[in-house]
Amino acid sequence: MRKRIRKALTFLIVGLLVIVGAGLAFIRLGLPDVGPAPLLEIDSDAAQIERGRYLANHVAACMDCHSTRDFTKLTGPMVAGTEGKGGEGFLREQGFPGNYYAPNLTPAHLGTWTDGEIYRAITTGVSRDGRALFPVMPYQNFGQMAPDDIHAIIAYLRSLKPIQHVVPASESDFPMNFIINTIPAKREGGKRPAPTDQIAYGKYITMFAGCGDCHTPVDAQGQGLPGMSFAGGREFPMPTGTARAANITPAQSGIGKWTREAFIARFRAYTNASAQPTVGEEGTNSIMPWTMYAHMTDQDLGAIYDYLRTVKPVEHTVPPFTPKPRMVATR
């Protein structure tokens, strides 16, 4: 009797291992499955490129991660001439489940990609070779944007100066090396609301700009904390200390006291990237790409403000920056 029980348990355990192994093999080899890249041939006229330039630099801020930023200066303005070269790391020591690097977006790297392959990567998170992208790249947001806005960004990327810059391959730790394949999803794209529909348009621009991604605190797994959307407090390690995203809900500890004009003026204060002061070894700094968003139109900044006034107010006081502890010499 005992032998039969042991034999049955052995078969059960082996069966479970086979099922788990098959499941993991499917996740690793069969996913992501978002379908082939669409057949696209995007018009790259001057108007289309200019629209893409505006979106890629001042709304979606693609150039924030895919260029070089000078964090020896306040707000880390982009280094001129590095547009799209890639290389910024999102690393284990920063709390990521692996090492991820922003790829080169210039024609030196994307020149052999089709427009459809670039579109699929931006909107579904699947690279040309079928590899899943880690969602620090906000493709879940971009997949909800109007396709013609994504087309404009692609047209702009095609116009960039080619920069030969080899970026390290990204790698995920276990279990993210399996989980990452389950995240990409095919999306049909959304519709850009008319600017006259101020709240809906503001929500669209807010999502495009990824405001919620940085201004919502996350748990150890990187998931937004329930009830804390836009409430600030997400931490970002920097060379001189730890920066935290501000509370941008309409609470008193957020933007509750701000007027629309004051909100826009806050961005306009960073219009001149070259005028940003140098940050010392213990200086306060910000990960927020102010000098990029500073050139967003009044219409778009105002729409973001109008939308944020409609989100749930959360009283959450956030210290903006904590300097690294000073090293004290010991004898």
Protein backbone atom coordinates (compact mmCIF):
# COMPACT_ATOMS: atom_id res chain seq x y z
CA MET A 1 0.00 0.00 0.00
CA ARG A 2 2.78 2.39 0.96
CA LYS A 3 4.64 1.61 -2.26
CA ARG A 4 1.55 2.46 -4.29
CA ILE A 5 1.14 5.74 -2.39
CA ARG A 6 4.82 6.63 -2.92
CA LYS A 7 4.52 5.71 -6.58
CA ALA A 8 1.39 7.85 -6.97
CA LEU A 9 3.08 10.78 -5.23
CA THR A 10 6.12 10.39 -7.46
CA PHE A 11 3.95 10.46 -10.58
CA LEU A 12 2.08 13.50 -9.20
CA ILE A 13 5.30 15.41 -8.48
CA VAL A 14 6.78 14.52 -11.86
CA GLY A 15 3.54 15.54 -13.55
CA LEU A 16 3.53 18.88 -11.76
CA LEU A 17 7.18 19.47 -12.69
CA VAL A 18 6.40 18.70 -16.32
CA ILE A 19 3.45 21.14 -16.29
CA VAL A 20 5.50 23.87 -14.61
CA GLY A 21 8.41 23.27 -16.97
CA ALA A 22 6.13 23.42 -20.00
CA GLY A 23 4.58 26.63 -18.72
CA LEU A 24 7.96 28.25 -18.16
CA ALA A 25 9.16 27.08 -21.57
CA PHE A 26 6.11 28.64 -23.19
CA ILE A 27 6.63 31.93 -21.35
CA ARG A 28 10.31 31.96 -22.27
CA LEU A 29 10.00 30.80 -25.87
CA GLY A 30 6.41 31.49 -26.92
CA LEU A 31 5.99 34.97 -25.46
CA PRO A 32 5.75 37.85 -26.03
CA ASP A 33 3.12 37.31 -28.70
CA VAL A 34 1.84 40.60 -30.08
CA GLY A 35 1.82 39.63 -33.73
CA PRO A 36 4.08 40.76 -36.56
CA ALA A 37 5.17 44.35 -37.00
CA PRO A 38 2.59 46.30 -39.02
CA LEU A 39 3.34 47.27 -42.60
CA LEU A 40 3.89 51.01 -42.40
CA GLU A 41 5.46 53.63 -44.61
CA ILE A 42 5.39 56.86 -42.65
CA ASP A 43 5.38 60.22 -44.38
CA SER A 44 8.40 62.21 -43.25
CA ASP A 45 7.58 65.70 -44.45
CA ALA A 46 8.71 68.79 -42.55
CA ALA A 47 5.45 69.20 -40.61
CA GLN A 48 5.47 65.57 -39.52
CA ILE A 49 9.09 65.75 -38.37
CA GLU A 50 8.47 68.98 -36.47
CA ARG A 51 5.47 67.45 -34.67
CA GLY A 52 7.64 64.46 -33.77
CA ARG A 53 10.44 66.73 -32.58
CA TYR A 54 8.05 68.49 -30.23
CA LEU A 55 6.59 65.25 -28.86
CA ALA A 56 9.92 63.39 -28.53
CA ASN A 57 11.67 66.27 -26.79
CA HIS A 58 8.97 68.08 -24.84
CA VAL A 59 5.98 65.78 -24.21
CA ALA A 60 6.92 62.08 -24.35
CA ALA A 61 10.50 63.24 -23.61
CA CYS A 62 12.07 60.26 -25.39
CA MET A 63 15.33 62.19 -25.46
CA ASP A 64 15.33 62.25 -21.65
CA CYS A 65 16.44 58.60 -21.41
CA HIS A 66 17.86 58.13 -24.91
CA SER A 67 20.43 60.95 -24.78
CA THR A 68 23.13 61.98 -22.31
CA ARG A 69 22.13 64.24 -19.43
CA ASP A 70 24.60 66.36 -17.48
CA PHE A 71 23.76 65.85 -13.81
CA THR A 72 26.62 68.07 -12.71
CA LYS A 73 24.05 70.79 -13.48
CA LEU A 74 20.66 71.37 -11.90
CA THR A 75 17.90 69.22 -13.47
CA GLY A 76 20.41 67.33 -15.64
CA PRO A 77 19.94 69.16 -18.96
CA MET A 78 20.61 67.16 -22.12
CA VAL A 79 24.11 67.39 -23.54
CA ALA A 80 23.88 68.98 -26.97
CA GLY A 81 24.80 66.62 -29.79
CA THR A 82 23.83 63.42 -27.95
CA GLU A 83 20.20 63.35 -29.08
CA GLY A 84 19.06 59.75 -29.29
CA LYS A 85 22.46 58.07 -28.75
CA GLY A 86 21.11 55.95 -25.88
CA GLY A 87 23.02 54.35 -23.05
CA GLU A 88 21.30 55.54 -19.86
CA GLY A 89 21.21 52.67 -17.39
CA PHE A 90 18.42 51.55 -15.09
CA LEU A 91 20.43 49.29 -12.87
CA ARG A 92 20.26 46.79 -10.03
CA GLU A 93 21.82 49.25 -7.60
CA GLN A 94 18.92 51.59 -8.37
CA GLY A 95 16.40 48.90 -7.43
CA PHE A 96 15.67 47.42 -10.87
CA PRO A 97 15.36 43.63 -11.34
CA GLY A 98 18.30 43.54 -13.72
CA ASN A 99 20.30 45.98 -15.80
CA TYR A 100 18.40 47.84 -18.53
CA TYR A 101 19.82 50.33 -20.99
CA ALA A 102 18.07 52.87 -23.21
CA PRO A 103 18.94 51.87 -26.80
CA ASN A 104 20.37 54.06 -29.52
CA LEU A 105 17.46 55.66 -31.41
CA THR A 106 19.47 57.33 -34.15
CA PRO A 107 19.61 55.94 -37.71
CA ALA A 108 22.99 54.40 -36.81
CA HIS A 109 20.96 51.75 -34.95
CA LEU A 110 17.38 52.07 -36.25
CA GLY A 111 18.40 52.56 -39.88
CA THR A 112 17.76 48.90 -40.70
CA TRP A 113 14.44 48.77 -38.85
CA THR A 114 11.17 49.19 -40.71
CA ASP A 115 8.71 51.86 -39.63
CA GLY A 116 6.42 49.06 -38.46
CA GLU A 117 9.12 47.51 -36.29
CA ILE A 118 9.77 50.84 -34.59
CA TYR A 119 6.03 51.37 -34.13
CA ARG A 120 5.61 47.91 -32.57
CA ALA A 121 8.50 48.53 -30.16
CA ILE A 122 7.11 51.90 -29.04
CA THR A 123 3.51 50.74 -28.60
CA THR A 124 3.74 47.09 -27.51
CA GLY A 125 7.20 46.74 -25.96
CA VAL A 126 8.55 44.15 -28.41
CA SER A 127 11.86 44.78 -30.13
CA ARG A 128 12.73 43.97 -33.72
CA ASP A 129 14.11 40.58 -32.70
CA GLY A 130 10.99 39.65 -30.71
CA ARG A 131 12.55 40.46 -27.34
CA ALA A 132 10.37 42.00 -24.64
CA LEU A 133 11.35 45.46 -23.42
CA PHE A 134 11.35 46.27 -19.71
CA PRO A 135 8.47 48.70 -19.00
CA VAL A 136 10.69 51.48 -17.70
CA MET A 137 10.12 52.27 -21.38
CA PRO A 138 6.49 53.45 -21.04
CA TYR A 139 5.12 51.51 -24.00
CA GLN A 140 1.95 50.76 -22.02
CA ASN A 141 1.21 54.49 -22.17
CA PHE A 142 2.41 54.99 -25.73
CA GLY A 143 0.19 52.15 -26.95
CA GLN A 144 -2.82 54.24 -25.93
CA MET A 145 -1.74 57.29 -27.88
CA ALA A 146 -3.08 58.31 -31.29
CA PRO A 147 -1.16 56.39 -34.00
CA ASP A 148 -0.44 59.59 -35.92
CA ASP A 149 1.42 61.00 -32.90
CA ILE A 150 3.60 57.87 -32.75
CA HIS A 151 4.12 58.12 -36.52
CA ALA A 152 5.38 61.68 -36.04
CA ILE A 153 7.90 60.53 -33.43
CA ILE A 154 9.17 57.85 -35.80
CA ALA A 155 9.55 60.45 -38.57
CA TYR A 156 11.59 62.59 -36.20
CA LEU A 157 13.81 59.67 -35.15
CA ARG A 158 14.56 59.03 -38.82
CA SER A 159 15.79 62.64 -39.08
CA LEU A 160 18.30 62.42 -36.23
CA LYS A 161 22.01 62.63 -36.86
CA PRO A 162 23.41 59.08 -36.87
CA ILE A 163 25.57 58.49 -33.81
CA GLN A 164 27.70 55.37 -33.65
CA HIS A 165 27.27 54.29 -30.05
CA VAL A 166 27.04 50.67 -28.97
CA VAL A 167 24.73 50.25 -25.97
CA PRO A 168 25.12 47.27 -23.59
CA ALA A 169 22.48 44.54 -23.86
CA SER A 170 19.78 44.64 -21.20
CA GLU A 171 19.41 41.66 -18.87
CA SER A 172 16.77 40.57 -16.36
CA ASP A 173 17.26 38.69 -13.10
CA PHE A 174 15.08 35.74 -12.11
CA PRO A 175 12.06 35.75 -12.02
CA MET A 176 11.83 38.94 -14.12
CA ASN A 177 13.50 37.09 -17.00
CA PHE A 178 10.22 35.15 -17.26
CA ILE A 179 7.77 37.83 -16.12
CA ILE A 180 9.03 40.38 -18.64
CA ASN A 181 7.73 38.24 -21.52
CA THR A 182 4.16 38.38 -20.15
CA ILE A 183 3.95 42.19 -20.05
CA PRO A 184 3.85 43.30 -23.72
CA ALA A 185 0.36 43.43 -25.23
CA LYS A 186 -0.98 44.42 -28.60
CA ARG A 187 -2.87 47.74 -28.59
CA GLU A 188 -4.91 49.40 -31.27
CA GLY A 189 -3.95 52.92 -30.23
CA GLY A 190 -6.20 55.67 -29.01
CA LYS A 191 -7.61 58.93 -30.24
CA ARG A 192 -6.21 62.35 -29.40
CA PRO A 193 -9.06 64.40 -27.89
CA ALA A 194 -9.73 67.89 -29.22
CA PRO A 195 -7.89 70.54 -27.16
CA THR A 196 -11.27 72.16 -26.54
CA ASP A 197 -12.17 69.09 -24.44
CA GLN A 198 -9.75 70.37 -21.84
CA ILE A 199 -9.92 67.59 -19.25
CA ALA A 200 -9.84 64.69 -21.74
CA TYR A 201 -7.04 66.39 -23.67
CA GLY A 202 -5.16 67.07 -20.44
CA LYS A 203 -5.44 63.40 -19.44
CA TYR A 204 -4.06 62.42 -22.85
CA ILE A 205 -1.04 64.74 -22.57
CA THR A 206 -0.46 63.71 -18.94
CA MET A 207 -0.30 60.05 -19.98
CA PHE A 208 1.89 60.86 -22.98
CA ALA A 209 4.30 62.74 -20.70
CA GLY A 210 4.37 59.86 -18.21
CA CYS A 211 3.60 62.11 -15.24
CA GLY A 212 1.95 59.30 -13.29
CA ASP A 213 4.91 56.97 -13.82
CA CYS A 214 7.28 59.10 -11.76
CA HIS A 215 4.84 60.89 -9.47
CA THR A 216 3.18 57.74 -8.11
CA PRO A 217 5.06 55.89 -5.33
CA VAL A 218 5.66 52.19 -5.95
CA ASP A 219 6.06 49.03 -3.89
CA ALA A 220 9.05 46.70 -3.89
CA GLN A 221 7.77 45.09 -7.11
CA GLY A 222 7.55 48.44 -8.87
CA GLN A 223 3.74 48.55 -8.80
CA GLY A 224 1.96 51.82 -8.03
CA LEU A 225 0.64 52.01 -4.48
CA PRO A 226 -3.19 51.88 -4.38
CA GLY A 227 -4.80 55.26 -3.71
CA MET A 228 -1.53 57.13 -4.23
CA SER A 229 -1.74 58.10 -7.90
CA PHE A 230 0.22 61.33 -8.52
CA ALA A 231 0.86 61.68 -4.76
CA GLY A 232 4.64 61.81 -5.12
CA GLY A 233 7.37 60.24 -3.06
CA ARG A 234 8.88 57.86 -5.59
CA GLU A 235 12.64 57.85 -4.95
CA PHE A 236 15.38 58.29 -7.52
CA PRO A 237 19.02 57.81 -6.47
CA MET A 238 21.33 60.47 -7.87
CA PRO A 239 25.07 61.17 -7.60
CA THR A 240 24.59 63.66 -4.75
CA GLY A 241 21.67 62.05 -2.91
CA THR A 242 18.09 60.85 -3.34
CA ALA A 243 15.52 62.86 -5.26
CA ARG A 244 11.78 62.33 -4.82
CA ALA A 245 8.93 63.10 -7.16
CA ALA A 246 6.58 65.81 -5.92
CA ASN A 247 2.94 65.41 -4.96
CA ILE A 248 0.99 66.79 -7.94
CA THR A 249 -2.52 66.00 -6.72
CA PRO A 250 -4.83 68.96 -5.89
CA ALA A 251 -4.18 68.47 -2.17
CA GLN A 252 -2.75 71.28 -0.06
CA SER A 253 0.53 69.36 0.11
CA GLY A 254 0.42 69.07 -3.67
CA ILE A 255 -0.67 71.70 -6.19
CA GLY A 256 -3.86 72.64 -4.35
CA LYS A 257 -2.67 76.23 -3.84
CA TRP A 258 -1.24 76.64 -7.33
CA THR A 259 -2.92 78.68 -10.01
CA ARG A 260 -2.82 77.61 -13.64
CA GLU A 261 -0.47 80.52 -14.37
CA ALA A 262 1.88 79.55 -11.54
CA PHE A 263 1.97 75.95 -12.77
CA ILE A 264 2.99 77.02 -16.27
CA ALA A 265 5.50 79.55 -14.92
CA ARG A 266 7.18 76.81 -12.86
CA PHE A 267 8.11 75.06 -16.09
CA ARG A 268 9.04 78.21 -17.96
CA ALA A 269 11.70 78.96 -15.32
CA TYR A 270 13.83 76.20 -16.89
CA THR A 271 13.58 77.28 -20.52
CA ASN A 272 17.31 78.05 -20.82
CA ALA A 273 19.11 74.71 -20.41
CA SER A 274 22.58 76.27 -20.63
CA ALA A 275 21.80 78.58 -17.71
CA GLN A 276 21.29 75.79 -15.16
CA PRO A 277 23.73 76.17 -12.26
CA THR A 278 26.41 73.64 -11.42
CA VAL A 279 25.58 71.26 -8.59
CA GLY A 280 28.26 70.68 -5.97
CA GLU A 281 29.15 67.37 -4.36
CA GLU A 282 26.35 67.80 -1.81
CA GLY A 283 24.00 69.83 -3.98
CA THR A 284 20.28 69.30 -4.31
CA ASN A 285 19.26 68.06 -7.74
CA SER A 286 16.20 66.73 -9.58
CA ILE A 287 15.63 63.82 -11.97
CA MET A 288 12.71 65.75 -13.48
CA PRO A 289 13.67 66.82 -17.03
CA TRP A 290 12.51 70.39 -16.47
CA THR A 291 14.49 71.81 -19.37
CA MET A 292 12.69 69.48 -21.78
CA TYR A 293 9.16 70.00 -20.48
CA ALA A 294 9.84 73.73 -20.24
CA HIS A 295 9.23 74.03 -23.99
CA MET A 296 5.82 72.41 -23.92
CA THR A 297 3.13 74.76 -25.21
CA ASP A 298 0.96 76.78 -22.82
CA GLN A 299 -2.00 74.83 -24.18
CA ASP A 300 -0.49 71.48 -23.25
CA LEU A 301 0.90 72.54 -19.86
CA GLY A 302 -2.40 74.21 -19.03
CA ALA A 303 -4.31 71.08 -20.02
CA ILE A 304 -2.13 68.96 -17.73
CA TYR A 305 -2.88 71.35 -14.88
CA ASP A 306 -6.62 71.25 -15.59
CA TYR A 307 -6.59 67.45 -15.61
CA LEU A 308 -4.53 67.16 -12.42
CA ARG A 309 -7.09 69.34 -10.66
CA THR A 310 -9.61 66.54 -11.25
CA VAL A 311 -7.59 63.66 -9.74
CA LYS A 312 -8.11 62.48 -6.17
CA PRO A 313 -6.34 64.82 -3.71
CA VAL A 314 -3.91 62.96 -1.45
CA GLU A 315 -2.30 64.71 1.48
CA HIS A 316 1.27 63.48 1.29
CA THR A 317 4.16 65.75 2.20
CA VAL A 318 7.27 64.78 0.29
CA PRO A 319 10.83 65.96 1.08
CA PRO A 320 12.18 66.71 -2.42
CA PHE A 321 15.79 65.71 -1.84
CA THR A 322 17.98 64.04 0.75
CA PRO A 323 21.75 64.59 0.34
CA LYS A 324 24.12 61.67 0.71
CA PRO A 325 25.55 61.41 4.25
CA ARG A 326 28.84 63.22 4.56
CA MET A 327 31.87 61.01 5.04
CA VAL A 328 33.44 61.79 8.39
CA ALA A 329 37.14 61.12 8.67
CA THR A 330 38.07 58.87 11.56
CA ARG A 331 41.44 58.54 13.19
